[in-house]
Amino acid sequence: MAIRWVVGVLAVAAFIVGLVLQLLALMIGGVVGLLAALVVRSGRNPLAESYRDIRDPRMP
């Protein structure tokens, strides 16, 4: 009887931990999506800026 009770408590604990992790992943994804939307809307693309031509135009 005690084993069933322990297994039940562990199952409930695992369920709650899984629920919390899912909500945390959802929040992180929402924040990242919001930041990406703000960057795209501002017209700046930080990924494209790393490909700028930094060579000196005066040099052949």
PDB file of N, CA and C in Angstrom:
ATOM      1  N   MET A   1       0.822  -1.202   0.000  1.00  0.00           N
ATOM      2  CA  MET A   1       0.000   0.000   0.000  1.00  0.00           C
ATOM      3  C   MET A   1       0.866   1.266   0.000  1.00  0.00           C
ATOM      4  N   ALA A   2       1.945   1.234   0.773  1.00  0.00           N
ATOM      5  CA  ALA A   2       2.811   2.407   0.855  1.00  0.00           C
ATOM      6  C   ALA A   2       3.510   2.664  -0.482  1.00  0.00           C
ATOM      7  N   ILE A   3       3.815   1.573  -1.186  1.00  0.00           N
ATOM      8  CA  ILE A   3       4.503   1.730  -2.474  1.00  0.00           C
ATOM      9  C   ILE A   3       3.591   2.444  -3.461  1.00  0.00           C
ATOM     10  N   ARG A   4       2.314   2.082  -3.462  1.00  0.00           N
ATOM     11  CA  ARG A   4       1.369   2.754  -4.361  1.00  0.00           C
ATOM     12  C   ARG A   4       1.274   4.236  -4.040  1.00  0.00           C
ATOM     13  N   TRP A   5       1.304   4.574  -2.752  1.00  0.00           N
ATOM     14  CA  TRP A   5       1.208   5.974  -2.339  1.00  0.00           C
ATOM     15  C   TRP A   5       2.435   6.747  -2.795  1.00  0.00           C
ATOM     16  N   VAL A   6       3.633   6.148  -2.637  1.00  0.00           N
ATOM     17  CA  VAL A   6       4.881   6.800  -3.062  1.00  0.00           C
ATOM     18  C   VAL A   6       4.897   6.984  -4.571  1.00  0.00           C
ATOM     19  N   VAL A   7       4.476   5.972  -5.305  1.00  0.00           N
ATOM     20  CA  VAL A   7       4.446   6.074  -6.768  1.00  0.00           C
ATOM     21  C   VAL A   7       3.459   7.156  -7.205  1.00  0.00           C
ATOM     22  N   GLY A   8       2.327   7.249  -6.526  1.00  0.00           N
ATOM     23  CA  GLY A   8       1.357   8.296  -6.843  1.00  0.00           C
ATOM     24  C   GLY A   8       1.911   9.679  -6.592  1.00  0.00           C
ATOM     25  N   VAL A   9       2.612   9.862  -5.461  1.00  0.00           N
ATOM     26  CA  VAL A   9       3.210  11.167  -5.151  1.00  0.00           C
ATOM     27  C   VAL A   9       4.277  11.514  -6.187  1.00  0.00           C
ATOM     28  N   LEU A  10       5.092  10.525  -6.569  1.00  0.00           N
ATOM     29  CA  LEU A  10       6.118  10.783  -7.592  1.00  0.00           C
ATOM     30  C   LEU A  10       5.486  11.132  -8.934  1.00  0.00           C
ATOM     31  N   ALA A  11       4.393  10.491  -9.277  1.00  0.00           N
ATOM     32  CA  ALA A  11       3.721  10.779 -10.544  1.00  0.00           C
ATOM     33  C   ALA A  11       3.167  12.201 -10.546  1.00  0.00           C
ATOM     34  N   VAL A  12       2.573  12.604  -9.441  1.00  0.00           N
ATOM     35  CA  VAL A  12       2.045  13.965  -9.348  1.00  0.00           C
ATOM     36  C   VAL A  12       3.180  14.984  -9.403  1.00  0.00           C
ATOM     37  N   ALA A  13       4.288  14.698  -8.717  1.00  0.00           N
ATOM     38  CA  ALA A  13       5.434  15.607  -8.735  1.00  0.00           C
ATOM     39  C   ALA A  13       6.007  15.730 -10.151  1.00  0.00           C
ATOM     40  N   ALA A  14       6.112  14.603 -10.857  1.00  0.00           N
ATOM     41  CA  ALA A  14       6.627  14.633 -12.228  1.00  0.00           C
ATOM     42  C   ALA A  14       5.697  15.419 -13.140  1.00  0.00           C
ATOM     43  N   PHE A  15       4.395  15.261 -12.936  1.00  0.00           N
ATOM     44  CA  PHE A  15       3.426  16.003 -13.739  1.00  0.00           C
ATOM     45  C   PHE A  15       3.576  17.503 -13.511  1.00  0.00           C
ATOM     46  N   ILE A  16       3.715  17.912 -12.255  1.00  0.00           N
ATOM     47  CA  ILE A  16       3.839  19.346 -11.943  1.00  0.00           C
ATOM     48  C   ILE A  16       5.138  19.903 -12.506  1.00  0.00           C
ATOM     49  N   VAL A  17       6.231  19.146 -12.368  1.00  0.00           N
ATOM     50  CA  VAL A  17       7.521  19.607 -12.925  1.00  0.00           C
ATOM     51  C   VAL A  17       7.419  19.741 -14.439  1.00  0.00           C
ATOM     52  N   GLY A  18       6.798  18.789 -15.110  1.00  0.00           N
ATOM     53  CA  GLY A  18       6.640  18.866 -16.559  1.00  0.00           C
ATOM     54  C   GLY A  18       5.799  20.056 -16.980  1.00  0.00           C
ATOM     55  N   LEU A  19       4.745  20.331 -16.219  1.00  0.00           N
ATOM     56  CA  LEU A  19       3.896  21.480 -16.515  1.00  0.00           C
ATOM     57  C   LEU A  19       4.666  22.783 -16.368  1.00  0.00           C
ATOM     58  N   VAL A  20       5.455  22.894 -15.308  1.00  0.00           N
ATOM     59  CA  VAL A  20       6.247  24.105 -15.082  1.00  0.00           C
ATOM     60  C   VAL A  20       7.279  24.284 -16.192  1.00  0.00           C
ATOM     61  N   LEU A  21       7.927  23.204 -16.599  1.00  0.00           N
ATOM     62  CA  LEU A  21       8.919  23.304 -17.674  1.00  0.00           C
ATOM     63  C   LEU A  21       8.278  23.707 -18.995  1.00  0.00           C
ATOM     64  N   GLN A  22       7.080  23.202 -19.261  1.00  0.00           N
ATOM     65  CA  GLN A  22       6.383  23.590 -20.486  1.00  0.00           C
ATOM     66  C   GLN A  22       6.038  25.073 -20.483  1.00  0.00           C
ATOM     67  N   LEU A  23       5.543  25.553 -19.347  1.00  0.00           N
ATOM     68  CA  LEU A  23       5.199  26.971 -19.253  1.00  0.00           C
ATOM     69  C   LEU A  23       6.436  27.843 -19.380  1.00  0.00           C
ATOM     70  N   LEU A  24       7.551  27.391 -18.795  1.00  0.00           N
ATOM     71  CA  LEU A  24       8.800  28.150 -18.901  1.00  0.00           C
ATOM     72  C   LEU A  24       9.272  28.213 -20.353  1.00  0.00           C
ATOM     73  N   ALA A  25       9.191  27.088 -21.059  1.00  0.00           N
ATOM     74  CA  ALA A  25       9.587  27.070 -22.472  1.00  0.00           C
ATOM     75  C   ALA A  25       8.677  27.972 -23.297  1.00  0.00           C
ATOM     76  N   LEU A  26       7.403  27.977 -22.982  1.00  0.00           N
ATOM     77  CA  LEU A  26       6.460  28.837 -23.696  1.00  0.00           C
ATOM     78  C   LEU A  26       6.779  30.313 -23.465  1.00  0.00           C
ATOM     79  N   MET A  27       7.113  30.662 -22.222  1.00  0.00           N
ATOM     80  CA  MET A  27       7.451  32.056 -21.912  1.00  0.00           C
ATOM     81  C   MET A  27       8.737  32.485 -22.611  1.00  0.00           C
ATOM     82  N   ILE A  28       9.749  31.608 -22.588  1.00  0.00           N
ATOM     83  CA  ILE A  28      11.021  31.944 -23.243  1.00  0.00           C
ATOM     84  C   ILE A  28      10.802  32.109 -24.747  1.00  0.00           C
ATOM     85  N   GLY A  29      10.037  31.200 -25.340  1.00  0.00           N
ATOM     86  CA  GLY A  29       9.737  31.320 -26.769  1.00  0.00           C
ATOM     87  C   GLY A  29       8.975  32.588 -27.088  1.00  0.00           C
ATOM     88  N   GLY A  30       8.057  32.973 -26.218  1.00  0.00           N
ATOM     89  CA  GLY A  30       7.309  34.212 -26.433  1.00  0.00           C
ATOM     90  C   GLY A  30       8.196  35.435 -26.362  1.00  0.00           C
ATOM     91  N   VAL A  31       9.104  35.464 -25.397  1.00  0.00           N
ATOM     92  CA  VAL A  31      10.014  36.612 -25.259  1.00  0.00           C
ATOM     93  C   VAL A  31      10.944  36.705 -26.463  1.00  0.00           C
ATOM     94  N   VAL A  32      11.482  35.566 -26.894  1.00  0.00           N
ATOM     95  CA  VAL A  32      12.374  35.567 -28.063  1.00  0.00           C
ATOM     96  C   VAL A  32      11.606  36.013 -29.311  1.00  0.00           C
ATOM     97  N   GLY A  33      10.382  35.535 -29.464  1.00  0.00           N
ATOM     98  CA  GLY A  33       9.568  35.942 -30.608  1.00  0.00           C
ATOM     99  C   GLY A  33       9.244  37.421 -30.590  1.00  0.00           C
ATOM    100  N   LEU A  34       8.963  37.945 -29.406  1.00  0.00           N
ATOM    101  CA  LEU A  34       8.673  39.377 -29.268  1.00  0.00           C
ATOM    102  C   LEU A  34       9.889  40.220 -29.630  1.00  0.00           C
ATOM    103  N   LEU A  35      11.050  39.823 -29.131  1.00  0.00           N
ATOM    104  CA  LEU A  35      12.274  40.556 -29.461  1.00  0.00           C
ATOM    105  C   LEU A  35      12.575  40.482 -30.952  1.00  0.00           C
ATOM    106  N   ALA A  36      12.380  39.307 -31.555  1.00  0.00           N
ATOM    107  CA  ALA A  36      12.622  39.168 -32.997  1.00  0.00           C
ATOM    108  C   ALA A  36      11.664  40.050 -33.786  1.00  0.00           C
ATOM    109  N   ALA A  37      10.407  40.116 -33.353  1.00  0.00           N
ATOM    110  CA  ALA A  37       9.431  40.957 -34.055  1.00  0.00           C
ATOM    111  C   ALA A  37       9.815  42.425 -33.940  1.00  0.00           C
ATOM    112  N   LEU A  38      10.309  42.833 -32.774  1.00  0.00           N
ATOM    113  CA  LEU A  38      10.713  44.231 -32.612  1.00  0.00           C
ATOM    114  C   LEU A  38      11.923  44.566 -33.483  1.00  0.00           C
ATOM    115  N   VAL A  39      12.877  43.631 -33.568  1.00  0.00           N
ATOM    116  CA  VAL A  39      14.064  43.870 -34.390  1.00  0.00           C
ATOM    117  C   VAL A  39      13.675  43.949 -35.856  1.00  0.00           C
ATOM    118  N   VAL A  40      12.817  43.041 -36.312  1.00  0.00           N
ATOM    119  CA  VAL A  40      12.409  43.047 -37.717  1.00  0.00           C
ATOM    120  C   VAL A  40      11.623  44.320 -38.027  1.00  0.00           C
ATOM    121  N   ARG A  41      10.783  44.745 -37.097  1.00  0.00           N
ATOM    122  CA  ARG A  41       9.963  45.929 -37.333  1.00  0.00           C
ATOM    123  C   ARG A  41      10.804  47.197 -37.367  1.00  0.00           C
ATOM    124  N   SER A  42      11.918  47.215 -36.620  1.00  0.00           N
ATOM    125  CA  SER A  42      12.760  48.412 -36.589  1.00  0.00           C
ATOM    126  C   SER A  42      13.555  48.574 -37.879  1.00  0.00           C
ATOM    127  N   GLY A  43      13.590  47.542 -38.700  1.00  0.00           N
ATOM    128  CA  GLY A  43      14.305  47.641 -39.967  1.00  0.00           C
ATOM    129  C   GLY A  43      15.761  47.237 -39.856  1.00  0.00           C
ATOM    130  N   ARG A  44      16.247  46.985 -38.663  1.00  0.00           N
ATOM    131  CA  ARG A  44      17.635  46.557 -38.480  1.00  0.00           C
ATOM    132  C   ARG A  44      17.672  45.041 -38.467  1.00  0.00           C
ATOM    133  N   ASN A  45      18.637  44.510 -39.171  1.00  0.00           N
ATOM    134  CA  ASN A  45      18.822  43.063 -39.171  1.00  0.00           C
ATOM    135  C   ASN A  45      20.229  42.777 -38.656  1.00  0.00           C
ATOM    136  N   PRO A  46      20.365  42.450 -37.373  1.00  0.00           N
ATOM    137  CA  PRO A  46      21.707  42.237 -36.821  1.00  0.00           C
ATOM    138  C   PRO A  46      22.425  41.045 -37.447  1.00  0.00           C
ATOM    139  N   LEU A  47      21.666  40.113 -38.045  1.00  0.00           N
ATOM    140  CA  LEU A  47      22.319  38.989 -38.690  1.00  0.00           C
ATOM    141  C   LEU A  47      22.979  39.419 -40.000  1.00  0.00           C
ATOM    142  N   ALA A  48      22.349  40.355 -40.702  1.00  0.00           N
ATOM    143  CA  ALA A  48      22.899  40.811 -41.975  1.00  0.00           C
ATOM    144  C   ALA A  48      24.052  41.788 -41.768  1.00  0.00           C
ATOM    145  N   GLU A  49      24.091  42.473 -40.631  1.00  0.00           N
ATOM    146  CA  GLU A  49      25.139  43.467 -40.406  1.00  0.00           C
ATOM    147  C   GLU A  49      26.514  42.827 -40.301  1.00  0.00           C
ATOM    148  N   SER A  50      26.581  41.571 -39.937  1.00  0.00           N
ATOM    149  CA  SER A  50      27.883  40.919 -39.821  1.00  0.00           C
ATOM    150  C   SER A  50      28.493  40.663 -41.199  1.00  0.00           C
ATOM    151  N   TYR A  51      27.692  40.789 -42.255  1.00  0.00           N
ATOM    152  CA  TYR A  51      28.195  40.561 -43.609  1.00  0.00           C
ATOM    153  C   TYR A  51      28.523  41.862 -44.331  1.00  0.00           C
ATOM    154  N   ARG A  52      28.552  42.972 -43.607  1.00  0.00           N
ATOM    155  CA  ARG A  52      28.878  44.232 -44.262  1.00  0.00           C
ATOM    156  C   ARG A  52      30.292  44.199 -44.823  1.00  0.00           C
ATOM    157  N   ASP A  53      30.502  44.924 -45.903  1.00  0.00           N
ATOM    158  CA  ASP A  53      31.823  45.008 -46.504  1.00  0.00           C
ATOM    159  C   ASP A  53      32.638  46.013 -45.709  1.00  0.00           C
ATOM    160  N   ILE A  54      33.646  45.531 -45.010  1.00  0.00           N
ATOM    161  CA  ILE A  54      34.444  46.415 -44.153  1.00  0.00           C
ATOM    162  C   ILE A  54      35.774  46.784 -44.791  1.00  0.00           C
ATOM    163  N   ARG A  55      35.943  46.417 -46.075  1.00  0.00           N
ATOM    164  CA  ARG A  55      37.191  46.753 -46.751  1.00  0.00           C
ATOM    165  C   ARG A  55      37.251  48.254 -47.028  1.00  0.00           C
ATOM    166  N   ASP A  56      38.438  48.760 -47.049  1.00  0.00           N
ATOM    167  CA  ASP A  56      38.656  50.183 -47.329  1.00  0.00           C
ATOM    168  C   ASP A  56      38.497  50.404 -48.835  1.00  0.00           C
ATOM    169  N   PRO A  57      37.540  51.261 -49.236  1.00  0.00           N
ATOM    170  CA  PRO A  57      37.330  51.457 -50.683  1.00  0.00           C
ATOM    171  C   PRO A  57      38.520  52.120 -51.385  1.00  0.00           C
ATOM    172  N   ARG A  58      39.412  52.770 -50.634  1.00  0.00           N
ATOM    173  CA  ARG A  58      40.567  53.426 -51.269  1.00  0.00           C
ATOM    174  C   ARG A  58      41.645  52.435 -51.643  1.00  0.00           C
ATOM    175  N   MET A  59      41.605  51.235 -51.047  1.00  0.00           N
ATOM    176  CA  MET A  59      42.634  50.237 -51.357  1.00  0.00           C
ATOM    177  C   MET A  59      42.189  49.432 -52.576  1.00  0.00           C
ATOM    178  N   PRO A  60      43.118  49.104 -53.464  1.00  0.00           N
ATOM    179  CA  PRO A  60      42.747  48.343 -54.667  1.00  0.00           C
ATOM    180  C   PRO A  60      42.415  46.910 -54.333  1.00  0.00           C
TER     181      PRO A  60
END
